[in-house]
Structures are given as C-alpha cells and as structure tokens.
C-alpha cells in the first residue's frame, strides 16, 4: 500500500463496478467496497441473508467448491466468501446470514 495513491489508482475496481451494473443490474444490490489498501479489489457484501450472495456467485460462475464457510458472532452468523477474477479485478463476494441455532465454535 502506498500513501500516495490517487483515485485514478482505483480505476480497475471502479471500472469493474461499472461493468457489473451494466451486465448484472437486475441482481440484488450489495454493499460495495473499494479501498486503497487493496487497489485491485472490489468487494460486494450481502448483509441480508445468503440469497443475494448465491445469485451473484452463480452469475459470475464462481465454483461452489471455491466458497469458504465460517461462523462468527459467537456462532450466530454464517459467512460465505469467494474470490473471482473479473475484467482484471479481484472480485470478492461476501455473504452474511443468521443461523437458526447458534453453533458452538471450537466444540468437539
């Protein structure tokens, strides 16, 4: 990371966001993040359950076995995550969903 990055240095993920709006504008709206810490990454996060994540995963043809699954918030939130290359950017999809029953993290 460089403190001297300009907005122009984030052009790759911003261009990809524009392409996604044209190609997939009908899909659920995510929370979008672009950061100078990872200047070639665009993150699409879904905080209202996992259907939005799954719709985007399928649209981007991300393999189901490339999705990681974790649990957070004392076993109350499931998190799905995958990364795909799209038009020269690293596109990270993250989905958050409530668990019906808490999972004991680290339980045998």
PDB file of N, CA and C in Angstrom:
ATOM      1  N   UNK A   1       0.836  -1.176   0.000  1.00  0.00           N
ATOM      2  CA  UNK A   1       0.000   0.000   0.000  1.00  0.00           C
ATOM      3  C   UNK A   1       0.877   1.234   0.000  1.00  0.00           C
ATOM      4  N   UNK A   2       0.466   2.213  -0.753  1.00  0.00           N
ATOM      5  CA  UNK A   2       1.200   3.465  -0.821  1.00  0.00           C
ATOM      6  C   UNK A   2       0.285   4.608  -0.401  1.00  0.00           C
ATOM      7  N   UNK A   3       0.796   5.496   0.427  1.00  0.00           N
ATOM      8  CA  UNK A   3       0.005   6.642   0.869  1.00  0.00           C
ATOM      9  C   UNK A   3      -0.234   7.620  -0.271  1.00  0.00           C
ATOM     10  N   UNK A   4       0.492   7.459  -1.369  1.00  0.00           N
ATOM     11  CA  UNK A   4       0.393   8.394  -2.485  1.00  0.00           C
ATOM     12  C   UNK A   4      -0.604   7.960  -3.552  1.00  0.00           C
ATOM     13  N   UNK A   5      -1.445   6.971  -3.279  1.00  0.00           N
ATOM     14  CA  UNK A   5      -2.413   6.541  -4.280  1.00  0.00           C
ATOM     15  C   UNK A   5      -3.444   7.633  -4.541  1.00  0.00           C
ATOM     16  N   UNK A   6      -3.835   7.731  -5.783  1.00  0.00           N
ATOM     17  CA  UNK A   6      -4.885   8.674  -6.162  1.00  0.00           C
ATOM     18  C   UNK A   6      -6.147   7.895  -6.511  1.00  0.00           C
ATOM     19  N   UNK A   7      -7.237   8.590  -6.701  1.00  0.00           N
ATOM     20  CA  UNK A   7      -8.480   7.935  -7.100  1.00  0.00           C
ATOM     21  C   UNK A   7      -8.285   7.199  -8.418  1.00  0.00           C
ATOM     22  N   UNK A   8      -7.478   7.732  -9.281  1.00  0.00           N
ATOM     23  CA  UNK A   8      -7.193   7.088 -10.563  1.00  0.00           C
ATOM     24  C   UNK A   8      -6.539   5.721 -10.370  1.00  0.00           C
ATOM     25  N   UNK A   9      -5.822   5.538  -9.279  1.00  0.00           N
ATOM     26  CA  UNK A   9      -5.186   4.249  -8.995  1.00  0.00           C
ATOM     27  C   UNK A   9      -6.206   3.168  -8.637  1.00  0.00           C
ATOM     28  N   UNK A  10      -7.433   3.570  -8.385  1.00  0.00           N
ATOM     29  CA  UNK A  10      -8.510   2.622  -8.098  1.00  0.00           C
ATOM     30  C   UNK A  10      -9.395   2.395  -9.318  1.00  0.00           C
ATOM     31  N   UNK A  11      -8.894   2.756 -10.489  1.00  0.00           N
ATOM     32  CA  UNK A  11      -9.714   2.683 -11.700  1.00  0.00           C
ATOM     33  C   UNK A  11     -10.128   1.266 -12.073  1.00  0.00           C
ATOM     34  N   UNK A  12      -9.313   0.268 -11.772  1.00  0.00           N
ATOM     35  CA  UNK A  12      -9.666  -1.112 -12.144  1.00  0.00           C
ATOM     36  C   UNK A  12     -10.932  -1.565 -11.425  1.00  0.00           C
ATOM     37  N   UNK A  13     -11.008  -1.538 -10.083  1.00  0.00           N
ATOM     38  CA  UNK A  13     -12.251  -1.979  -9.450  1.00  0.00           C
ATOM     39  C   UNK A  13     -13.438  -1.066  -9.760  1.00  0.00           C
ATOM     40  N   UNK A  14     -13.198   0.218  -9.948  1.00  0.00           N
ATOM     41  CA  UNK A  14     -14.300   1.114 -10.283  1.00  0.00           C
ATOM     42  C   UNK A  14     -14.832   0.839 -11.686  1.00  0.00           C
ATOM     43  N   UNK A  15     -13.946   0.498 -12.608  1.00  0.00           N
ATOM     44  CA  UNK A  15     -14.378   0.113 -13.959  1.00  0.00           C
ATOM     45  C   UNK A  15     -15.184  -1.174 -13.900  1.00  0.00           C
ATOM     46  N   UNK A  16     -14.740  -2.123 -13.089  1.00  0.00           N
ATOM     47  CA  UNK A  16     -15.453  -3.385 -12.935  1.00  0.00           C
ATOM     48  C   UNK A  16     -16.837  -3.142 -12.338  1.00  0.00           C
ATOM     49  N   UNK A  17     -16.958  -2.237 -11.389  1.00  0.00           N
ATOM     50  CA  UNK A  17     -18.264  -1.916 -10.827  1.00  0.00           C
ATOM     51  C   UNK A  17     -19.201  -1.406 -11.915  1.00  0.00           C
ATOM     52  N   UNK A  18     -18.684  -0.587 -12.779  1.00  0.00           N
ATOM     53  CA  UNK A  18     -19.499  -0.082 -13.901  1.00  0.00           C
ATOM     54  C   UNK A  18     -19.933  -1.222 -14.813  1.00  0.00           C
ATOM     55  N   UNK A  19     -19.035  -2.139 -15.121  1.00  0.00           N
ATOM     56  CA  UNK A  19     -19.388  -3.295 -15.955  1.00  0.00           C
ATOM     57  C   UNK A  19     -20.440  -4.162 -15.271  1.00  0.00           C
ATOM     58  N   UNK A  20     -20.298  -4.365 -13.969  1.00  0.00           N
ATOM     59  CA  UNK A  20     -21.265  -5.179 -13.233  1.00  0.00           C
ATOM     60  C   UNK A  20     -22.645  -4.542 -13.257  1.00  0.00           C
ATOM     61  N   UNK A  21     -22.711  -3.220 -13.175  1.00  0.00           N
ATOM     62  CA  UNK A  21     -24.007  -2.539 -13.224  1.00  0.00           C
ATOM     63  C   UNK A  21     -24.680  -2.764 -14.575  1.00  0.00           C
ATOM     64  N   UNK A  22     -23.902  -2.757 -15.642  1.00  0.00           N
ATOM     65  CA  UNK A  22     -24.466  -2.966 -16.974  1.00  0.00           C
ATOM     66  C   UNK A  22     -24.874  -4.422 -17.166  1.00  0.00           C
ATOM     67  N   UNK A  23     -23.998  -5.349 -16.792  1.00  0.00           N
ATOM     68  CA  UNK A  23     -24.237  -6.771 -17.054  1.00  0.00           C
ATOM     69  C   UNK A  23     -25.177  -7.427 -16.045  1.00  0.00           C
ATOM     70  N   UNK A  24     -25.180  -6.967 -14.812  1.00  0.00           N
ATOM     71  CA  UNK A  24     -25.926  -7.650 -13.752  1.00  0.00           C
ATOM     72  C   UNK A  24     -26.783  -6.696 -12.923  1.00  0.00           C
ATOM     73  N   UNK A  25     -27.237  -5.634 -13.513  1.00  0.00           N
ATOM     74  CA  UNK A  25     -28.026  -4.636 -12.802  1.00  0.00           C
ATOM     75  C   UNK A  25     -29.317  -5.172 -12.209  1.00  0.00           C
ATOM     76  N   UNK A  26     -29.776  -6.299 -12.687  1.00  0.00           N
ATOM     77  CA  UNK A  26     -31.010  -6.909 -12.189  1.00  0.00           C
ATOM     78  C   UNK A  26     -30.802  -7.714 -10.906  1.00  0.00           C
ATOM     79  N   UNK A  27     -29.552  -7.957 -10.531  1.00  0.00           N
ATOM     80  CA  UNK A  27     -29.262  -8.755  -9.336  1.00  0.00           C
ATOM     81  C   UNK A  27     -29.394  -7.907  -8.072  1.00  0.00           C
ATOM     82  N   UNK A  28     -29.507  -8.564  -6.912  1.00  0.00           N
ATOM     83  CA  UNK A  28     -29.638  -7.817  -5.653  1.00  0.00           C
ATOM     84  C   UNK A  28     -28.468  -6.852  -5.433  1.00  0.00           C
ATOM     85  N   UNK A  29     -28.801  -5.687  -4.887  1.00  0.00           N
ATOM     86  CA  UNK A  29     -27.782  -4.663  -4.634  1.00  0.00           C
ATOM     87  C   UNK A  29     -26.938  -5.033  -3.419  1.00  0.00           C
ATOM     88  N   UNK A  30     -25.605  -5.041  -3.586  1.00  0.00           N
ATOM     89  CA  UNK A  30     -24.709  -5.331  -2.463  1.00  0.00           C
ATOM     90  C   UNK A  30     -24.217  -4.047  -1.805  1.00  0.00           C
ATOM     91  N   UNK A  31     -23.553  -4.221  -0.683  1.00  0.00           N
ATOM     92  CA  UNK A  31     -22.719  -3.162  -0.135  1.00  0.00           C
ATOM     93  C   UNK A  31     -21.410  -3.235  -0.907  1.00  0.00           C
ATOM     94  N   UNK A  32     -20.952  -2.129  -1.454  1.00  0.00           N
ATOM     95  CA  UNK A  32     -19.775  -2.101  -2.320  1.00  0.00           C
ATOM     96  C   UNK A  32     -18.622  -1.433  -1.587  1.00  0.00           C
ATOM     97  N   UNK A  33     -17.443  -2.077  -1.648  1.00  0.00           N
ATOM     98  CA  UNK A  33     -16.259  -1.503  -1.015  1.00  0.00           C
ATOM     99  C   UNK A  33     -15.083  -1.497  -1.979  1.00  0.00           C
ATOM    100  N   UNK A  34     -14.422  -0.356  -2.037  1.00  0.00           N
ATOM    101  CA  UNK A  34     -13.175  -0.178  -2.771  1.00  0.00           C
ATOM    102  C   UNK A  34     -12.229   0.511  -1.806  1.00  0.00           C
ATOM    103  N   UNK A  35     -10.992   0.046  -1.735  1.00  0.00           N
ATOM    104  CA  UNK A  35     -10.052   0.614  -0.776  1.00  0.00           C
ATOM    105  C   UNK A  35      -8.657   0.721  -1.377  1.00  0.00           C
ATOM    106  N   UNK A  36      -7.915   1.753  -1.007  1.00  0.00           N
ATOM    107  CA  UNK A  36      -6.526   1.849  -1.472  1.00  0.00           C
ATOM    108  C   UNK A  36      -5.618   0.800  -0.834  1.00  0.00           C
ATOM    109  N   UNK A  37      -6.095   0.117   0.198  1.00  0.00           N
ATOM    110  CA  UNK A  37      -5.293  -0.942   0.817  1.00  0.00           C
ATOM    111  C   UNK A  37      -5.125  -2.092  -0.167  1.00  0.00           C
ATOM    112  N   UNK A  38      -6.194  -2.413  -0.915  1.00  0.00           N
ATOM    113  CA  UNK A  38      -6.164  -3.439  -1.966  1.00  0.00           C
ATOM    114  C   UNK A  38      -6.678  -2.783  -3.247  1.00  0.00           C
ATOM    115  N   UNK A  39      -5.843  -2.059  -3.960  1.00  0.00           N
ATOM    116  CA  UNK A  39      -6.306  -1.212  -5.066  1.00  0.00           C
ATOM    117  C   UNK A  39      -6.874  -1.953  -6.275  1.00  0.00           C
ATOM    118  N   UNK A  40      -6.716  -3.263  -6.360  1.00  0.00           N
ATOM    119  CA  UNK A  40      -7.286  -4.008  -7.485  1.00  0.00           C
ATOM    120  C   UNK A  40      -8.474  -4.864  -7.060  1.00  0.00           C
ATOM    121  N   UNK A  41      -8.996  -4.629  -5.861  1.00  0.00           N
ATOM    122  CA  UNK A  41     -10.096  -5.455  -5.338  1.00  0.00           C
ATOM    123  C   UNK A  41     -11.385  -4.648  -5.257  1.00  0.00           C
ATOM    124  N   UNK A  42     -12.472  -5.331  -5.609  1.00  0.00           N
ATOM    125  CA  UNK A  42     -13.817  -4.808  -5.423  1.00  0.00           C
ATOM    126  C   UNK A  42     -14.557  -5.813  -4.558  1.00  0.00           C
ATOM    127  N   UNK A  43     -15.108  -5.364  -3.447  1.00  0.00           N
ATOM    128  CA  UNK A  43     -15.850  -6.266  -2.567  1.00  0.00           C
ATOM    129  C   UNK A  43     -17.341  -5.991  -2.682  1.00  0.00           C
ATOM    130  N   UNK A  44     -18.100  -7.056  -2.864  1.00  0.00           N
ATOM    131  CA  UNK A  44     -19.555  -6.997  -2.857  1.00  0.00           C
ATOM    132  C   UNK A  44     -20.019  -7.803  -1.657  1.00  0.00           C
ATOM    133  N   UNK A  45     -20.662  -7.159  -0.693  1.00  0.00           N
ATOM    134  CA  UNK A  45     -21.089  -7.831   0.534  1.00  0.00           C
ATOM    135  C   UNK A  45     -22.609  -7.814   0.633  1.00  0.00           C
ATOM    136  N   UNK A  46     -23.135  -8.917   1.155  1.00  0.00           N
ATOM    137  CA  UNK A  46     -24.573  -9.094   1.298  1.00  0.00           C
ATOM    138  C   UNK A  46     -24.867  -9.367   2.765  1.00  0.00           C
ATOM    139  N   UNK A  47     -25.518  -8.414   3.419  1.00  0.00           N
ATOM    140  CA  UNK A  47     -25.751  -8.476   4.866  1.00  0.00           C
ATOM    141  C   UNK A  47     -27.163  -8.926   5.220  1.00  0.00           C
ATOM    142  N   UNK A  48     -27.994  -9.173   4.242  1.00  0.00           N
ATOM    143  CA  UNK A  48     -29.399  -9.506   4.499  1.00  0.00           C
ATOM    144  C   UNK A  48     -29.707 -10.951   4.166  1.00  0.00           C
ATOM    145  N   UNK A  49     -28.810 -11.840   4.465  1.00  0.00           N
ATOM    146  CA  UNK A  49     -29.008 -13.248   4.150  1.00  0.00           C
ATOM    147  C   UNK A  49     -28.150 -13.666   2.973  1.00  0.00           C
ATOM    148  N   UNK A  50     -28.254 -14.930   2.621  1.00  0.00           N
ATOM    149  CA  UNK A  50     -27.358 -15.501   1.620  1.00  0.00           C
ATOM    150  C   UNK A  50     -27.922 -15.587   0.193  1.00  0.00           C
ATOM    151  N   UNK A  51     -29.205 -15.355  -0.056  1.00  0.00           N
ATOM    152  CA  UNK A  51     -29.699 -15.450  -1.432  1.00  0.00           C
ATOM    153  C   UNK A  51     -29.010 -14.480  -2.398  1.00  0.00           C
ATOM    154  N   UNK A  52     -28.722 -13.267  -1.962  1.00  0.00           N
ATOM    155  CA  UNK A  52     -28.029 -12.310  -2.828  1.00  0.00           C
ATOM    156  C   UNK A  52     -26.629 -12.790  -3.179  1.00  0.00           C
ATOM    157  N   UNK A  53     -25.929 -13.310  -2.180  1.00  0.00           N
ATOM    158  CA  UNK A  53     -24.593 -13.873  -2.416  1.00  0.00           C
ATOM    159  C   UNK A  53     -24.675 -14.976  -3.460  1.00  0.00           C
ATOM    160  N   UNK A  54     -25.630 -15.869  -3.291  1.00  0.00           N
ATOM    161  CA  UNK A  54     -25.741 -17.014  -4.193  1.00  0.00           C
ATOM    162  C   UNK A  54     -26.112 -16.579  -5.610  1.00  0.00           C
ATOM    163  N   UNK A  55     -26.975 -15.589  -5.745  1.00  0.00           N
ATOM    164  CA  UNK A  55     -27.331 -15.095  -7.077  1.00  0.00           C
ATOM    165  C   UNK A  55     -26.106 -14.541  -7.799  1.00  0.00           C
ATOM    166  N   UNK A  56     -25.294 -13.776  -7.093  1.00  0.00           N
ATOM    167  CA  UNK A  56     -24.079 -13.230  -7.695  1.00  0.00           C
ATOM    168  C   UNK A  56     -23.042 -14.322  -7.967  1.00  0.00           C
ATOM    169  N   UNK A  57     -22.915 -15.280  -7.050  1.00  0.00           N
ATOM    170  CA  UNK A  57     -21.959 -16.373  -7.264  1.00  0.00           C
ATOM    171  C   UNK A  57     -22.291 -17.118  -8.548  1.00  0.00           C
ATOM    172  N   UNK A  58     -23.568 -17.414  -8.741  1.00  0.00           N
ATOM    173  CA  UNK A  58     -23.982 -18.117  -9.950  1.00  0.00           C
ATOM    174  C   UNK A  58     -23.769 -17.258 -11.195  1.00  0.00           C
ATOM    175  N   UNK A  59     -24.121 -15.982 -11.122  1.00  0.00           N
ATOM    176  CA  UNK A  59     -23.970 -15.085 -12.275  1.00  0.00           C
ATOM    177  C   UNK A  59     -22.509 -14.946 -12.699  1.00  0.00           C
ATOM    178  N   UNK A  60     -21.612 -14.953 -11.720  1.00  0.00           N
ATOM    179  CA  UNK A  60     -20.181 -14.811 -12.008  1.00  0.00           C
ATOM    180  C   UNK A  60     -19.502 -16.150 -12.256  1.00  0.00           C
ATOM    181  N   UNK A  61     -20.282 -17.221 -12.202  1.00  0.00           N
ATOM    182  CA  UNK A  61     -19.785 -18.574 -12.472  1.00  0.00           C
ATOM    183  C   UNK A  61     -18.649 -18.968 -11.522  1.00  0.00           C
ATOM    184  N   UNK A  62     -18.780 -18.557 -10.262  1.00  0.00           N
ATOM    185  CA  UNK A  62     -17.804 -18.961  -9.243  1.00  0.00           C
ATOM    186  C   UNK A  62     -18.165 -20.374  -8.784  1.00  0.00           C
ATOM    187  N   UNK A  63     -17.204 -21.246  -8.784  1.00  0.00           N
ATOM    188  CA  UNK A  63     -17.439 -22.643  -8.423  1.00  0.00           C
ATOM    189  C   UNK A  63     -17.884 -22.757  -6.974  1.00  0.00           C
ATOM    190  N   UNK A  64     -18.887 -23.597  -6.703  1.00  0.00           N
ATOM    191  CA  UNK A  64     -19.332 -23.781  -5.311  1.00  0.00           C
ATOM    192  C   UNK A  64     -18.214 -24.245  -4.385  1.00  0.00           C
ATOM    193  N   UNK A  65     -17.287 -25.056  -4.897  1.00  0.00           N
ATOM    194  CA  UNK A  65     -16.209 -25.536  -4.030  1.00  0.00           C
ATOM    195  C   UNK A  65     -15.144 -24.477  -3.769  1.00  0.00           C
ATOM    196  N   UNK A  66     -15.266 -23.306  -4.398  1.00  0.00           N
ATOM    197  CA  UNK A  66     -14.344 -22.197  -4.135  1.00  0.00           C
ATOM    198  C   UNK A  66     -14.875 -21.279  -3.034  1.00  0.00           C
ATOM    199  N   UNK A  67     -16.042 -21.598  -2.496  1.00  0.00           N
ATOM    200  CA  UNK A  67     -16.655 -20.790  -1.437  1.00  0.00           C
ATOM    201  C   UNK A  67     -16.193 -21.311  -0.079  1.00  0.00           C
ATOM    202  N   UNK A  68     -15.731 -20.405   0.761  1.00  0.00           N
ATOM    203  CA  UNK A  68     -15.371 -20.785   2.124  1.00  0.00           C
ATOM    204  C   UNK A  68     -16.537 -20.466   3.054  1.00  0.00           C
ATOM    205  N   UNK A  69     -16.639 -21.246   4.107  1.00  0.00           N
ATOM    206  CA  UNK A  69     -17.712 -21.093   5.077  1.00  0.00           C
ATOM    207  C   UNK A  69     -17.097 -20.924   6.457  1.00  0.00           C
ATOM    208  N   UNK A  70     -17.513 -19.883   7.147  1.00  0.00           N
ATOM    209  CA  UNK A  70     -17.091 -19.682   8.533  1.00  0.00           C
ATOM    210  C   UNK A  70     -18.299 -19.239   9.347  1.00  0.00           C
ATOM    211  N   UNK A  71     -18.120 -19.244  10.653  1.00  0.00           N
ATOM    212  CA  UNK A  71     -19.158 -18.800  11.581  1.00  0.00           C
ATOM    213  C   UNK A  71     -18.530 -17.736  12.469  1.00  0.00           C
ATOM    214  N   UNK A  72     -19.295 -16.681  12.755  1.00  0.00           N
ATOM    215  CA  UNK A  72     -18.803 -15.621  13.621  1.00  0.00           C
ATOM    216  C   UNK A  72     -19.927 -15.163  14.548  1.00  0.00           C
ATOM    217  N   UNK A  73     -19.641 -14.174  15.373  1.00  0.00           N
ATOM    218  CA  UNK A  73     -20.596 -13.638  16.360  1.00  0.00           C
ATOM    219  C   UNK A  73     -21.080 -14.718  17.307  1.00  0.00           C
ATOM    220  N   UNK A  74     -20.152 -15.406  17.915  1.00  0.00           N
ATOM    221  CA  UNK A  74     -20.490 -16.435  18.899  1.00  0.00           C
ATOM    222  C   UNK A  74     -21.408 -17.504  18.315  1.00  0.00           C
ATOM    223  N   UNK A  75     -21.178 -17.849  17.054  1.00  0.00           N
ATOM    224  CA  UNK A  75     -21.933 -18.919  16.427  1.00  0.00           C
ATOM    225  C   UNK A  75     -23.295 -18.523  15.907  1.00  0.00           C
ATOM    226  N   UNK A  76     -23.568 -17.239  15.769  1.00  0.00           N
ATOM    227  CA  UNK A  76     -24.887 -16.797  15.330  1.00  0.00           C
ATOM    228  C   UNK A  76     -24.936 -16.346  13.872  1.00  0.00           C
ATOM    229  N   UNK A  77     -23.793 -16.136  13.240  1.00  0.00           N
ATOM    230  CA  UNK A  77     -23.764 -15.636  11.867  1.00  0.00           C
ATOM    231  C   UNK A  77     -22.887 -16.541  11.015  1.00  0.00           C
ATOM    232  N   UNK A  78     -23.449 -16.993   9.900  1.00  0.00           N
ATOM    233  CA  UNK A  78     -22.651 -17.759   8.943  1.00  0.00           C
ATOM    234  C   UNK A  78     -22.136 -16.804   7.875  1.00  0.00           C
ATOM    235  N   UNK A  79     -20.919 -17.072   7.397  1.00  0.00           N
ATOM    236  CA  UNK A  79     -20.277 -16.203   6.424  1.00  0.00           C
ATOM    237  C   UNK A  79     -19.803 -17.052   5.258  1.00  0.00           C
ATOM    238  N   UNK A  80     -20.221 -16.682   4.061  1.00  0.00           N
ATOM    239  CA  UNK A  80     -19.726 -17.302   2.831  1.00  0.00           C
ATOM    240  C   UNK A  80     -18.842 -16.293   2.132  1.00  0.00           C
ATOM    241  N   UNK A  81     -17.748 -16.777   1.552  1.00  0.00           N
ATOM    242  CA  UNK A  81     -16.787 -15.884   0.893  1.00  0.00           C
ATOM    243  C   UNK A  81     -16.172 -16.602  -0.300  1.00  0.00           C
ATOM    244  N   UNK A  82     -16.033 -15.869  -1.399  1.00  0.00           N
ATOM    245  CA  UNK A  82     -15.319 -16.389  -2.555  1.00  0.00           C
ATOM    246  C   UNK A  82     -14.692 -15.220  -3.303  1.00  0.00           C
ATOM    247  N   UNK A  83     -13.658 -15.517  -4.056  1.00  0.00           N
ATOM    248  CA  UNK A  83     -12.961 -14.507  -4.850  1.00  0.00           C
ATOM    249  C   UNK A  83     -12.890 -15.004  -6.281  1.00  0.00           C
ATOM    250  N   UNK A  84     -13.242 -14.130  -7.220  1.00  0.00           N
ATOM    251  CA  UNK A  84     -13.139 -14.455  -8.643  1.00  0.00           C
ATOM    252  C   UNK A  84     -12.411 -13.316  -9.343  1.00  0.00           C
ATOM    253  N   UNK A  85     -11.738 -13.654 -10.413  1.00  0.00           N
ATOM    254  CA  UNK A  85     -11.148 -12.624 -11.270  1.00  0.00           C
ATOM    255  C   UNK A  85     -12.215 -12.185 -12.255  1.00  0.00           C
ATOM    256  N   UNK A  86     -12.397 -10.890 -12.378  1.00  0.00           N
ATOM    257  CA  UNK A  86     -13.405 -10.369 -13.291  1.00  0.00           C
ATOM    258  C   UNK A  86     -12.873  -9.099 -13.941  1.00  0.00           C
ATOM    259  N   UNK A  87     -12.664  -9.143 -15.221  1.00  0.00           N
ATOM    260  CA  UNK A  87     -12.238  -7.985 -16.011  1.00  0.00           C
ATOM    261  C   UNK A  87     -10.999  -7.307 -15.436  1.00  0.00           C
ATOM    262  N   UNK A  88     -10.075  -8.091 -14.917  1.00  0.00           N
ATOM    263  CA  UNK A  88      -8.817  -7.558 -14.413  1.00  0.00           C
ATOM    264  C   UNK A  88      -8.818  -7.176 -12.943  1.00  0.00           C
ATOM    265  N   UNK A  89      -9.946  -7.369 -12.269  1.00  0.00           N
ATOM    266  CA  UNK A  89     -10.014  -7.051 -10.835  1.00  0.00           C
ATOM    267  C   UNK A  89     -10.240  -8.320 -10.038  1.00  0.00           C
ATOM    268  N   UNK A  90      -9.838  -8.270  -8.796  1.00  0.00           N
ATOM    269  CA  UNK A  90     -10.142  -9.325  -7.845  1.00  0.00           C
ATOM    270  C   UNK A  90     -11.501  -8.968  -7.248  1.00  0.00           C
ATOM    271  N   UNK A  91     -12.496  -9.771  -7.537  1.00  0.00           N
ATOM    272  CA  UNK A  91     -13.854  -9.515  -7.081  1.00  0.00           C
ATOM    273  C   UNK A  91     -14.164 -10.451  -5.919  1.00  0.00           C
ATOM    274  N   UNK A  92     -14.384  -9.876  -4.750  1.00  0.00           N
ATOM    275  CA  UNK A  92     -14.643 -10.669  -3.549  1.00  0.00           C
ATOM    276  C   UNK A  92     -16.121 -10.567  -3.198  1.00  0.00           C
ATOM    277  N   UNK A  93     -16.773 -11.715  -3.110  1.00  0.00           N
ATOM    278  CA  UNK A  93     -18.170 -11.785  -2.681  1.00  0.00           C
ATOM    279  C   UNK A  93     -18.197 -12.279  -1.247  1.00  0.00           C
ATOM    280  N   UNK A  94     -18.980 -11.604  -0.411  1.00  0.00           N
ATOM    281  CA  UNK A  94     -19.119 -12.000   0.985  1.00  0.00           C
ATOM    282  C   UNK A  94     -20.601 -11.972   1.330  1.00  0.00           C
ATOM    283  N   UNK A  95     -21.078 -13.070   1.899  1.00  0.00           N
ATOM    284  CA  UNK A  95     -22.475 -13.136   2.317  1.00  0.00           C
ATOM    285  C   UNK A  95     -22.576 -13.458   3.790  1.00  0.00           C
ATOM    286  N   UNK A  96     -23.472 -12.754   4.478  1.00  0.00           N
ATOM    287  CA  UNK A  96     -23.696 -12.958   5.903  1.00  0.00           C
ATOM    288  C   UNK A  96     -25.140 -13.396   6.108  1.00  0.00           C
ATOM    289  N   UNK A  97     -25.332 -14.432   6.905  1.00  0.00           N
ATOM    290  CA  UNK A  97     -26.680 -14.907   7.187  1.00  0.00           C
ATOM    291  C   UNK A  97     -26.788 -15.385   8.616  1.00  0.00           C
ATOM    292  N   UNK A  98     -27.957 -15.170   9.187  1.00  0.00           N
ATOM    293  CA  UNK A  98     -28.210 -15.636  10.556  1.00  0.00           C
ATOM    294  C   UNK A  98     -28.347 -17.149  10.570  1.00  0.00           C
ATOM    295  N   UNK A  99     -27.833 -17.754  11.617  1.00  0.00           N
ATOM    296  CA  UNK A  99     -28.041 -19.177  11.861  1.00  0.00           C
ATOM    297  C   UNK A  99     -29.284 -19.338  12.718  1.00  0.00           C
ATOM    298  N   UNK A 100     -30.072 -20.367  12.435  1.00  0.00           N
ATOM    299  CA  UNK A 100     -31.284 -20.602  13.233  1.00  0.00           C
ATOM    300  C   UNK A 100     -30.940 -20.954  14.673  1.00  0.00           C
ATOM    301  N   UNK A 101     -29.903 -21.746  14.851  1.00  0.00           N
ATOM    302  CA  UNK A 101     -29.452 -22.122  16.193  1.00  0.00           C
ATOM    303  C   UNK A 101     -27.958 -21.829  16.265  1.00  0.00           C
ATOM    304  N   UNK A 102     -27.478 -21.251  17.371  1.00  0.00           N
ATOM    305  CA  UNK A 102     -26.052 -20.969  17.484  1.00  0.00           C
ATOM    306  C   UNK A 102     -25.209 -22.226  17.337  1.00  0.00           C
ATOM    307  N   UNK A 103     -24.073 -22.065  16.697  1.00  0.00           N
ATOM    308  CA  UNK A 103     -23.107 -23.153  16.535  1.00  0.00           C
ATOM    309  C   UNK A 103     -22.012 -22.936  17.563  1.00  0.00           C
ATOM    310  N   UNK A 104     -21.663 -23.980  18.285  1.00  0.00           N
ATOM    311  CA  UNK A 104     -20.586 -23.867  19.255  1.00  0.00           C
ATOM    312  C   UNK A 104     -19.266 -23.919  18.521  1.00  0.00           C
ATOM    313  N   UNK A 105     -18.639 -22.775  18.376  1.00  0.00           N
ATOM    314  CA  UNK A 105     -17.376 -22.677  17.665  1.00  0.00           C
ATOM    315  C   UNK A 105     -16.291 -23.352  18.487  1.00  0.00           C
ATOM    316  N   UNK A 106     -15.565 -24.277  17.871  1.00  0.00           N
ATOM    317  CA  UNK A 106     -14.487 -24.980  18.550  1.00  0.00           C
ATOM    318  C   UNK A 106     -14.958 -26.176  19.364  1.00  0.00           C
ATOM    319  N   UNK A 107     -16.240 -26.489  19.294  1.00  0.00           N
ATOM    320  CA  UNK A 107     -16.752 -27.643  20.048  1.00  0.00           C
ATOM    321  C   UNK A 107     -16.324 -28.942  19.404  1.00  0.00           C
ATOM    322  N   UNK A 108     -16.110 -29.956  20.212  1.00  0.00           N
ATOM    323  CA  UNK A 108     -15.674 -31.251  19.695  1.00  0.00           C
ATOM    324  C   UNK A 108     -16.848 -32.041  19.203  1.00  0.00           C
TER     325      UNK A 108
END
